[in-house]
Amino acid sequence: MAKPAPKAAAPAAGGAKKSGGLFLALAILTLLAAATGGGIGVQLASTVKQVVVDQAKAAPAQIEAPQLRYSGDLILEPLKPVLANLAAPASTWVRIEGAIVFKNGALPNPQVAAAEIREDILTYVRTLTLSQLEGPSALQNLREDMTERAKLRTEGKLTELIIETLVVQ
């Protein structure tokens, strides 16, 4: 029985050599992969940095003066808030704050025109229903309708009516 014991010990020693070699190979491959990844990372970082620097140099050439929607001779006259209930449902209230835009000197008395436009807005809002204020295009339609009424009131001297806030409660 003494002979089988040395045979069992010999394969265990050979297996330890194989697992040690495998461990060494895995360690070398891991270090190689880490070095390769680090090198690629440094290269990509420098490439990205160079692209950002190039874009920053090109950006001032592309920036132009922003196009203004209005020229310098226009005046903005704020309107007092309009608070009114809707036609249906009658318990629903609307608060609108806005302003009118017109050319300097086009309106002889802008405060009077603003008060008249505010009165027209109040009259118009009282004819609306809640369903006319719902949906994606409702605000655009409301703005266009109120601008048209304001232009009629000022005989076309008004450039635009701006809705600053609209609260439905």
N, C-alpha and C. Protein backbone atom coordinates (compact mmCIF):
# COMPACT_ATOMS: atom_id res chain seq x y z
N MET A 1 0.80 -1.18 0.00
CA MET A 1 0.00 0.00 0.00
C MET A 1 0.85 1.25 0.00
N ALA A 2 2.08 1.10 0.22
CA ALA A 2 2.95 2.26 0.25
C ALA A 2 3.20 2.79 -1.15
N LYS A 3 3.15 1.97 -2.14
CA LYS A 3 3.43 2.42 -3.49
C LYS A 3 2.33 3.33 -4.07
N PRO A 4 1.06 3.10 -3.85
CA PRO A 4 0.07 4.00 -4.44
C PRO A 4 0.13 5.42 -3.90
N ALA A 5 0.59 5.63 -2.70
CA ALA A 5 0.65 6.98 -2.14
C ALA A 5 1.59 7.88 -2.94
N PRO A 6 2.82 7.45 -3.33
CA PRO A 6 3.68 8.34 -4.10
C PRO A 6 3.08 8.67 -5.47
N LYS A 7 2.32 7.80 -6.08
CA LYS A 7 1.72 8.10 -7.38
C LYS A 7 0.69 9.22 -7.25
N ALA A 8 -0.06 9.25 -6.18
CA ALA A 8 -1.07 10.29 -5.99
C ALA A 8 -0.41 11.63 -5.74
N ALA A 9 0.74 11.67 -5.10
CA ALA A 9 1.43 12.92 -4.80
C ALA A 9 2.06 13.50 -6.06
N ALA A 10 2.49 12.70 -6.98
CA ALA A 10 3.15 13.18 -8.18
C ALA A 10 2.20 13.96 -9.09
N PRO A 11 0.97 13.49 -9.35
CA PRO A 11 0.10 14.29 -10.20
C PRO A 11 -0.32 15.60 -9.55
N ALA A 12 -0.41 15.66 -8.24
CA ALA A 12 -0.79 16.89 -7.57
C ALA A 12 0.28 17.95 -7.78
N ALA A 13 1.54 17.58 -7.75
CA ALA A 13 2.62 18.54 -7.96
C ALA A 13 2.62 19.03 -9.40
N GLY A 14 2.34 18.19 -10.33
CA GLY A 14 2.27 18.60 -11.74
C GLY A 14 1.09 19.51 -11.99
N GLY A 15 -0.03 19.28 -11.31
CA GLY A 15 -1.22 20.13 -11.46
C GLY A 15 -0.96 21.51 -10.90
N ALA A 16 -0.16 21.60 -9.84
CA ALA A 16 0.16 22.90 -9.26
C ALA A 16 1.01 23.71 -10.23
N LYS A 17 1.90 23.03 -10.97
CA LYS A 17 2.71 23.74 -11.95
C LYS A 17 1.84 24.27 -13.08
N LYS A 18 0.86 23.48 -13.52
CA LYS A 18 -0.01 23.91 -14.62
C LYS A 18 -0.89 25.09 -14.18
N SER A 19 -1.42 25.05 -12.96
CA SER A 19 -2.28 26.15 -12.52
C SER A 19 -1.45 27.41 -12.28
N GLY A 20 -0.20 27.27 -11.84
CA GLY A 20 0.68 28.42 -11.66
C GLY A 20 1.01 29.06 -13.00
N GLY A 21 1.24 28.24 -14.02
CA GLY A 21 1.52 28.75 -15.35
C GLY A 21 0.30 29.44 -15.95
N LEU A 22 -0.85 28.86 -15.70
CA LEU A 22 -2.10 29.47 -16.18
C LEU A 22 -2.33 30.82 -15.51
N PHE A 23 -2.06 30.86 -14.20
CA PHE A 23 -2.22 32.11 -13.46
C PHE A 23 -1.26 33.18 -13.99
N LEU A 24 -0.02 32.78 -14.28
CA LEU A 24 0.97 33.72 -14.82
C LEU A 24 0.55 34.22 -16.20
N ALA A 25 0.02 33.34 -17.04
CA ALA A 25 -0.43 33.74 -18.37
C ALA A 25 -1.61 34.71 -18.27
N LEU A 26 -2.55 34.43 -17.36
CA LEU A 26 -3.70 35.34 -17.17
C LEU A 26 -3.25 36.69 -16.64
N ALA A 27 -2.29 36.71 -15.75
CA ALA A 27 -1.78 37.97 -15.21
C ALA A 27 -1.11 38.79 -16.30
N ILE A 28 -0.32 38.13 -17.14
CA ILE A 28 0.35 38.84 -18.24
C ILE A 28 -0.68 39.39 -19.23
N LEU A 29 -1.68 38.58 -19.57
CA LEU A 29 -2.72 39.05 -20.49
C LEU A 29 -3.52 40.21 -19.89
N THR A 30 -3.78 40.15 -18.60
CA THR A 30 -4.51 41.24 -17.94
C THR A 30 -3.70 42.53 -17.97
N LEU A 31 -2.41 42.44 -17.67
CA LEU A 31 -1.56 43.63 -17.72
C LEU A 31 -1.45 44.17 -19.14
N LEU A 32 -1.36 43.28 -20.12
CA LEU A 32 -1.29 43.69 -21.51
C LEU A 32 -2.59 44.40 -21.93
N ALA A 33 -3.73 43.85 -21.51
CA ALA A 33 -5.02 44.47 -21.83
C ALA A 33 -5.16 45.83 -21.16
N ALA A 34 -4.72 45.95 -19.91
CA ALA A 34 -4.80 47.23 -19.20
C ALA A 34 -3.91 48.27 -19.87
N ALA A 35 -2.71 47.86 -20.28
CA ALA A 35 -1.80 48.80 -20.94
C ALA A 35 -2.37 49.24 -22.29
N THR A 36 -2.93 48.29 -23.04
CA THR A 36 -3.53 48.63 -24.33
C THR A 36 -4.72 49.57 -24.14
N GLY A 37 -5.58 49.26 -23.18
CA GLY A 37 -6.73 50.12 -22.91
C GLY A 37 -6.32 51.51 -22.47
N GLY A 38 -5.30 51.59 -21.63
CA GLY A 38 -4.81 52.89 -21.19
C GLY A 38 -4.24 53.70 -22.35
N GLY A 39 -3.49 53.03 -23.21
CA GLY A 39 -2.92 53.71 -24.38
C GLY A 39 -4.00 54.23 -25.31
N ILE A 40 -5.00 53.40 -25.57
CA ILE A 40 -6.10 53.82 -26.44
C ILE A 40 -6.88 54.97 -25.78
N GLY A 41 -7.08 54.89 -24.46
CA GLY A 41 -7.78 55.96 -23.75
C GLY A 41 -7.05 57.29 -23.84
N VAL A 42 -5.74 57.26 -23.68
CA VAL A 42 -4.95 58.49 -23.78
C VAL A 42 -5.03 59.05 -25.20
N GLN A 43 -4.95 58.16 -26.19
CA GLN A 43 -5.01 58.61 -27.58
C GLN A 43 -6.38 59.23 -27.88
N LEU A 44 -7.46 58.58 -27.45
CA LEU A 44 -8.80 59.12 -27.69
C LEU A 44 -9.01 60.44 -26.95
N ALA A 45 -8.51 60.53 -25.74
CA ALA A 45 -8.66 61.77 -24.97
C ALA A 45 -7.96 62.93 -25.67
N SER A 46 -6.77 62.67 -26.19
CA SER A 46 -6.06 63.75 -26.89
C SER A 46 -6.76 64.10 -28.20
N THR A 47 -7.35 63.11 -28.86
CA THR A 47 -8.09 63.37 -30.09
C THR A 47 -9.33 64.22 -29.79
N VAL A 48 -10.06 63.87 -28.74
CA VAL A 48 -11.25 64.63 -28.37
C VAL A 48 -10.87 66.05 -27.98
N LYS A 49 -9.78 66.18 -27.23
CA LYS A 49 -9.32 67.51 -26.82
C LYS A 49 -8.98 68.34 -28.05
N GLN A 50 -8.33 67.74 -29.02
CA GLN A 50 -7.96 68.46 -30.24
C GLN A 50 -9.20 68.89 -31.01
N VAL A 51 -10.20 68.04 -31.08
CA VAL A 51 -11.44 68.38 -31.79
C VAL A 51 -12.15 69.54 -31.09
N VAL A 52 -12.20 69.51 -29.76
CA VAL A 52 -12.83 70.59 -29.00
C VAL A 52 -12.10 71.91 -29.23
N VAL A 53 -10.77 71.87 -29.23
CA VAL A 53 -9.99 73.08 -29.47
C VAL A 53 -10.24 73.61 -30.88
N ASP A 54 -10.29 72.72 -31.86
CA ASP A 54 -10.56 73.14 -33.24
C ASP A 54 -11.95 73.76 -33.38
N GLN A 55 -12.94 73.16 -32.72
CA GLN A 55 -14.30 73.71 -32.79
C GLN A 55 -14.38 75.06 -32.09
N ALA A 56 -13.65 75.21 -31.01
CA ALA A 56 -13.66 76.49 -30.30
C ALA A 56 -13.03 77.59 -31.15
N LYS A 57 -12.02 77.23 -31.92
CA LYS A 57 -11.40 78.21 -32.81
C LYS A 57 -12.33 78.56 -33.96
N ALA A 58 -13.09 77.60 -34.45
CA ALA A 58 -13.99 77.83 -35.57
C ALA A 58 -15.28 78.52 -35.14
N ALA A 59 -15.67 78.40 -33.89
CA ALA A 59 -16.95 78.96 -33.42
C ALA A 59 -17.02 80.48 -33.56
N PRO A 60 -16.01 81.26 -33.19
CA PRO A 60 -16.14 82.71 -33.34
C PRO A 60 -16.36 83.14 -34.79
N ALA A 61 -15.83 82.40 -35.72
CA ALA A 61 -16.03 82.74 -37.12
C ALA A 61 -17.48 82.50 -37.54
N GLN A 62 -18.15 81.53 -36.94
CA GLN A 62 -19.52 81.21 -37.31
C GLN A 62 -20.54 82.10 -36.62
N ILE A 63 -20.20 82.64 -35.47
CA ILE A 63 -21.16 83.45 -34.72
C ILE A 63 -21.36 84.78 -35.43
N GLU A 64 -22.60 85.05 -35.73
CA GLU A 64 -22.96 86.31 -36.33
C GLU A 64 -23.89 87.02 -35.37
N ALA A 65 -24.16 88.26 -35.65
CA ALA A 65 -25.10 88.99 -34.80
C ALA A 65 -26.47 88.33 -34.92
N PRO A 66 -27.12 88.07 -33.79
CA PRO A 66 -28.43 87.44 -33.87
C PRO A 66 -29.43 88.37 -34.56
N GLN A 67 -30.25 87.77 -35.38
CA GLN A 67 -31.24 88.56 -36.08
C GLN A 67 -32.34 88.95 -35.11
N LEU A 68 -32.57 90.22 -35.00
CA LEU A 68 -33.59 90.71 -34.11
C LEU A 68 -34.94 90.65 -34.80
N ARG A 69 -35.94 90.29 -34.03
CA ARG A 69 -37.28 90.20 -34.59
C ARG A 69 -37.85 91.59 -34.82
N TYR A 70 -37.46 92.52 -33.98
CA TYR A 70 -37.96 93.89 -34.08
C TYR A 70 -36.79 94.84 -34.24
N SER A 71 -37.04 95.94 -34.95
CA SER A 71 -36.00 96.95 -35.09
C SER A 71 -35.99 97.83 -33.85
N GLY A 72 -35.08 98.76 -33.78
CA GLY A 72 -34.89 99.56 -32.59
C GLY A 72 -35.94 100.63 -32.37
N ASP A 73 -36.77 100.93 -33.35
CA ASP A 73 -37.73 102.01 -33.19
C ASP A 73 -39.11 101.53 -32.72
N LEU A 74 -39.18 100.36 -32.11
CA LEU A 74 -40.44 99.83 -31.62
C LEU A 74 -40.55 100.02 -30.11
N ILE A 75 -41.78 100.13 -29.65
CA ILE A 75 -42.05 100.33 -28.23
C ILE A 75 -42.96 99.21 -27.75
N LEU A 76 -42.70 98.76 -26.53
CA LEU A 76 -43.51 97.73 -25.89
C LEU A 76 -44.31 98.42 -24.78
N GLU A 77 -45.62 98.39 -24.90
CA GLU A 77 -46.51 98.99 -23.90
C GLU A 77 -47.24 97.86 -23.18
N PRO A 78 -46.96 97.67 -21.89
CA PRO A 78 -47.64 96.59 -21.16
C PRO A 78 -49.12 96.89 -20.94
N LEU A 79 -49.91 95.84 -20.95
CA LEU A 79 -51.34 95.95 -20.66
C LEU A 79 -51.58 95.54 -19.21
N LYS A 80 -52.57 96.15 -18.60
CA LYS A 80 -52.95 95.71 -17.26
C LYS A 80 -53.56 94.32 -17.37
N PRO A 81 -53.46 93.50 -16.34
CA PRO A 81 -54.02 92.14 -16.40
C PRO A 81 -55.53 92.15 -16.66
N VAL A 82 -55.96 91.19 -17.46
CA VAL A 82 -57.38 91.01 -17.77
C VAL A 82 -57.85 89.78 -17.00
N LEU A 83 -58.90 89.94 -16.23
CA LEU A 83 -59.47 88.84 -15.46
C LEU A 83 -60.94 88.74 -15.83
N ALA A 84 -61.32 87.57 -16.39
CA ALA A 84 -62.71 87.40 -16.83
C ALA A 84 -63.10 85.94 -16.72
N ASN A 85 -64.40 85.69 -16.65
CA ASN A 85 -64.87 84.31 -16.67
C ASN A 85 -65.22 83.94 -18.09
N LEU A 86 -65.14 82.65 -18.39
CA LEU A 86 -65.43 82.14 -19.73
C LEU A 86 -66.93 82.00 -19.92
N ALA A 87 -67.34 81.86 -21.18
CA ALA A 87 -68.76 81.67 -21.49
C ALA A 87 -69.22 80.31 -20.98
N ALA A 88 -68.40 79.29 -21.16
CA ALA A 88 -68.77 77.96 -20.67
C ALA A 88 -67.50 77.22 -20.29
N PRO A 89 -67.42 76.65 -19.17
CA PRO A 89 -68.27 76.78 -17.99
C PRO A 89 -68.08 78.15 -17.34
N ALA A 90 -69.15 78.69 -16.83
CA ALA A 90 -69.14 80.05 -16.28
C ALA A 90 -68.30 80.16 -15.02
N SER A 91 -68.02 79.06 -14.37
CA SER A 91 -67.22 79.11 -13.14
C SER A 91 -65.72 79.13 -13.42
N THR A 92 -65.32 79.08 -14.67
CA THR A 92 -63.91 79.07 -15.05
C THR A 92 -63.44 80.50 -15.31
N TRP A 93 -62.34 80.86 -14.67
CA TRP A 93 -61.79 82.20 -14.80
C TRP A 93 -60.49 82.16 -15.61
N VAL A 94 -60.23 83.26 -16.31
CA VAL A 94 -59.01 83.39 -17.12
C VAL A 94 -58.33 84.70 -16.74
N ARG A 95 -57.02 84.63 -16.56
CA ARG A 95 -56.23 85.84 -16.33
C ARG A 95 -55.20 85.92 -17.45
N ILE A 96 -55.19 87.04 -18.15
CA ILE A 96 -54.26 87.25 -19.26
C ILE A 96 -53.46 88.52 -18.98
N GLU A 97 -52.15 88.39 -19.09
CA GLU A 97 -51.27 89.55 -19.04
C GLU A 97 -50.57 89.62 -20.38
N GLY A 98 -50.47 90.82 -20.92
CA GLY A 98 -49.87 90.96 -22.23
C GLY A 98 -49.27 92.33 -22.44
N ALA A 99 -48.82 92.55 -23.66
CA ALA A 99 -48.23 93.83 -24.04
C ALA A 99 -48.46 94.03 -25.53
N ILE A 100 -48.45 95.29 -25.93
CA ILE A 100 -48.59 95.59 -27.36
C ILE A 100 -47.27 96.17 -27.85
N VAL A 101 -46.96 95.87 -29.10
CA VAL A 101 -45.73 96.35 -29.74
C VAL A 101 -46.15 97.22 -30.91
N PHE A 102 -45.59 98.43 -30.97
CA PHE A 102 -45.92 99.34 -32.05
C PHE A 102 -44.71 100.22 -32.34
N LYS A 103 -44.73 100.86 -33.52
CA LYS A 103 -43.63 101.74 -33.89
C LYS A 103 -43.71 103.03 -33.08
N ASN A 104 -42.56 103.56 -32.79
CA ASN A 104 -42.48 104.80 -32.02
C ASN A 104 -43.19 105.92 -32.78
N GLY A 105 -44.17 106.53 -32.16
CA GLY A 105 -44.91 107.63 -32.77
C GLY A 105 -46.10 107.20 -33.60
N ALA A 106 -46.31 105.90 -33.78
CA ALA A 106 -47.44 105.44 -34.59
C ALA A 106 -48.77 105.68 -33.88
N LEU A 107 -48.78 105.52 -32.58
CA LEU A 107 -50.00 105.75 -31.80
C LEU A 107 -49.87 107.08 -31.07
N PRO A 108 -50.85 107.98 -31.26
CA PRO A 108 -50.74 109.28 -30.59
C PRO A 108 -50.78 109.18 -29.07
N ASN A 109 -51.58 108.27 -28.54
CA ASN A 109 -51.66 108.09 -27.09
C ASN A 109 -51.67 106.59 -26.80
N PRO A 110 -50.50 105.99 -26.56
CA PRO A 110 -50.42 104.54 -26.38
C PRO A 110 -51.19 104.02 -25.17
N GLN A 111 -51.28 104.81 -24.10
CA GLN A 111 -52.00 104.34 -22.91
C GLN A 111 -53.49 104.19 -23.19
N VAL A 112 -54.05 105.11 -23.97
CA VAL A 112 -55.47 105.01 -24.32
C VAL A 112 -55.69 103.80 -25.22
N ALA A 113 -54.79 103.60 -26.19
CA ALA A 113 -54.91 102.44 -27.08
C ALA A 113 -54.78 101.15 -26.28
N ALA A 114 -53.88 101.12 -25.30
CA ALA A 114 -53.72 99.92 -24.47
C ALA A 114 -54.98 99.64 -23.67
N ALA A 115 -55.61 100.68 -23.15
CA ALA A 115 -56.85 100.49 -22.38
C ALA A 115 -57.98 99.98 -23.28
N GLU A 116 -58.07 100.50 -24.50
CA GLU A 116 -59.11 100.04 -25.44
C GLU A 116 -58.86 98.59 -25.85
N ILE A 117 -57.61 98.24 -26.08
CA ILE A 117 -57.27 96.87 -26.45
C ILE A 117 -57.56 95.93 -25.29
N ARG A 118 -57.27 96.35 -24.09
CA ARG A 118 -57.58 95.55 -22.89
C ARG A 118 -59.08 95.30 -22.79
N GLU A 119 -59.87 96.32 -23.09
CA GLU A 119 -61.33 96.17 -23.08
C GLU A 119 -61.78 95.17 -24.15
N ASP A 120 -61.17 95.24 -25.32
CA ASP A 120 -61.51 94.29 -26.39
C ASP A 120 -61.13 92.86 -25.99
N ILE A 121 -59.99 92.71 -25.33
CA ILE A 121 -59.57 91.38 -24.87
C ILE A 121 -60.58 90.84 -23.87
N LEU A 122 -61.01 91.68 -22.94
CA LEU A 122 -62.00 91.27 -21.95
C LEU A 122 -63.29 90.81 -22.62
N THR A 123 -63.75 91.57 -23.59
CA THR A 123 -64.97 91.21 -24.32
C THR A 123 -64.79 89.90 -25.07
N TYR A 124 -63.64 89.73 -25.71
CA TYR A 124 -63.38 88.53 -26.48
C TYR A 124 -63.28 87.30 -25.58
N VAL A 125 -62.58 87.42 -24.46
CA VAL A 125 -62.38 86.28 -23.56
C VAL A 125 -63.72 85.80 -22.99
N ARG A 126 -64.63 86.71 -22.76
CA ARG A 126 -65.93 86.33 -22.20
C ARG A 126 -66.77 85.52 -23.19
N THR A 127 -66.39 85.51 -24.48
CA THR A 127 -67.11 84.71 -25.48
C THR A 127 -66.49 83.33 -25.68
N LEU A 128 -65.33 83.09 -25.09
CA LEU A 128 -64.63 81.81 -25.28
C LEU A 128 -65.20 80.73 -24.37
N THR A 129 -65.03 79.49 -24.83
CA THR A 129 -65.34 78.33 -23.99
C THR A 129 -64.02 77.66 -23.61
N LEU A 130 -64.09 76.82 -22.62
CA LEU A 130 -62.87 76.14 -22.16
C LEU A 130 -62.29 75.24 -23.25
N SER A 131 -63.14 74.65 -24.06
CA SER A 131 -62.65 73.77 -25.13
C SER A 131 -61.85 74.54 -26.18
N GLN A 132 -62.09 75.85 -26.32
CA GLN A 132 -61.33 76.65 -27.28
C GLN A 132 -59.93 76.97 -26.77
N LEU A 133 -59.69 76.75 -25.48
CA LEU A 133 -58.37 77.00 -24.91
C LEU A 133 -57.58 75.72 -24.72
N GLU A 134 -58.14 74.59 -25.13
CA GLU A 134 -57.46 73.30 -24.98
C GLU A 134 -56.84 72.90 -26.31
N GLY A 135 -55.80 72.13 -26.22
CA GLY A 135 -55.18 71.59 -27.43
C GLY A 135 -53.90 72.31 -27.77
N PRO A 136 -53.14 71.73 -28.69
CA PRO A 136 -51.82 72.25 -29.00
C PRO A 136 -51.82 73.59 -29.73
N SER A 137 -52.83 73.88 -30.51
CA SER A 137 -52.84 75.12 -31.27
C SER A 137 -53.74 76.19 -30.67
N ALA A 138 -54.30 75.94 -29.51
CA ALA A 138 -55.25 76.89 -28.92
C ALA A 138 -54.59 78.22 -28.57
N LEU A 139 -53.40 78.18 -28.00
CA LEU A 139 -52.71 79.42 -27.64
C LEU A 139 -52.35 80.23 -28.88
N GLN A 140 -51.92 79.55 -29.92
CA GLN A 140 -51.59 80.25 -31.16
C GLN A 140 -52.83 80.90 -31.76
N ASN A 141 -53.94 80.18 -31.78
CA ASN A 141 -55.18 80.75 -32.31
C ASN A 141 -55.65 81.93 -31.47
N LEU A 142 -55.56 81.81 -30.16
CA LEU A 142 -55.95 82.91 -29.27
C LEU A 142 -55.08 84.13 -29.53
N ARG A 143 -53.80 83.93 -29.65
CA ARG A 143 -52.88 85.05 -29.90
C ARG A 143 -53.18 85.72 -31.24
N GLU A 144 -53.41 84.93 -32.27
CA GLU A 144 -53.72 85.49 -33.58
C GLU A 144 -55.03 86.26 -33.56
N ASP A 145 -56.06 85.71 -32.92
CA ASP A 145 -57.35 86.40 -32.86
C ASP A 145 -57.24 87.72 -32.09
N MET A 146 -56.54 87.69 -30.97
CA MET A 146 -56.42 88.92 -30.18
C MET A 146 -55.54 89.95 -30.89
N THR A 147 -54.51 89.52 -31.60
CA THR A 147 -53.68 90.45 -32.38
C THR A 147 -54.49 91.09 -33.49
N GLU A 148 -55.33 90.29 -34.15
CA GLU A 148 -56.18 90.82 -35.21
C GLU A 148 -57.15 91.87 -34.66
N ARG A 149 -57.76 91.60 -33.53
CA ARG A 149 -58.68 92.56 -32.91
C ARG A 149 -57.94 93.84 -32.52
N ALA A 150 -56.72 93.69 -31.98
CA ALA A 150 -55.95 94.86 -31.58
C ALA A 150 -55.52 95.69 -32.79
N LYS A 151 -55.18 95.03 -33.89
CA LYS A 151 -54.83 95.77 -35.10
C LYS A 151 -56.02 96.53 -35.65
N LEU A 152 -57.20 95.92 -35.57
CA LEU A 152 -58.41 96.63 -36.00
C LEU A 152 -58.66 97.85 -35.12
N ARG A 153 -58.44 97.70 -33.83
CA ARG A 153 -58.67 98.81 -32.89
C ARG A 153 -57.71 99.96 -33.17
N THR A 154 -56.47 99.67 -33.55
CA THR A 154 -55.46 100.71 -33.78
C THR A 154 -55.32 101.07 -35.26
N GLU A 155 -56.22 100.59 -36.08
CA GLU A 155 -56.22 100.86 -37.52
C GLU A 155 -54.92 100.41 -38.19
N GLY A 156 -54.42 99.26 -37.78
CA GLY A 156 -53.24 98.67 -38.40
C GLY A 156 -51.91 99.22 -37.92
N LYS A 157 -51.91 100.10 -36.94
CA LYS A 157 -50.67 100.70 -36.45
C LYS A 157 -49.93 99.81 -35.45
N LEU A 158 -50.59 98.78 -35.00
CA LEU A 158 -50.00 97.86 -34.03
C LEU A 158 -49.18 96.80 -34.76
N THR A 159 -48.02 96.47 -34.23
CA THR A 159 -47.19 95.42 -34.82
C THR A 159 -47.63 94.05 -34.32
N GLU A 160 -47.79 93.93 -33.00
CA GLU A 160 -48.13 92.62 -32.44
C GLU A 160 -48.67 92.78 -31.03
N LEU A 161 -49.52 91.84 -30.64
CA LEU A 161 -49.96 91.73 -29.25
C LEU A 161 -49.29 90.50 -28.68
N ILE A 162 -48.59 90.67 -27.59
CA ILE A 162 -47.84 89.57 -26.97
C ILE A 162 -48.59 89.11 -25.73
N ILE A 163 -48.85 87.80 -25.65
CA ILE A 163 -49.45 87.22 -24.45
C ILE A 163 -48.29 86.81 -23.54
N GLU A 164 -48.17 87.48 -22.41
CA GLU A 164 -47.08 87.17 -21.49
C GLU A 164 -47.46 86.01 -20.57
N THR A 165 -48.66 86.05 -20.02
CA THR A 165 -49.12 84.94 -19.18
C THR A 165 -50.59 84.68 -19.46
N LEU A 166 -50.96 83.42 -19.32
CA LEU A 166 -52.34 83.00 -19.48
C LEU A 166 -52.60 81.94 -18.41
N VAL A 167 -53.54 82.25 -17.51
CA VAL A 167 -53.87 81.33 -16.44
C VAL A 167 -55.36 81.03 -16.53
N VAL A 168 -55.69 79.74 -16.59
CA VAL A 168 -57.08 79.30 -16.61
C VAL A 168 -57.32 78.57 -15.30
N GLN A 169 -58.35 79.02 -14.58
CA GLN A 169 -58.64 78.41 -13.28
C GLN A 169 -60.11 78.08 -13.18
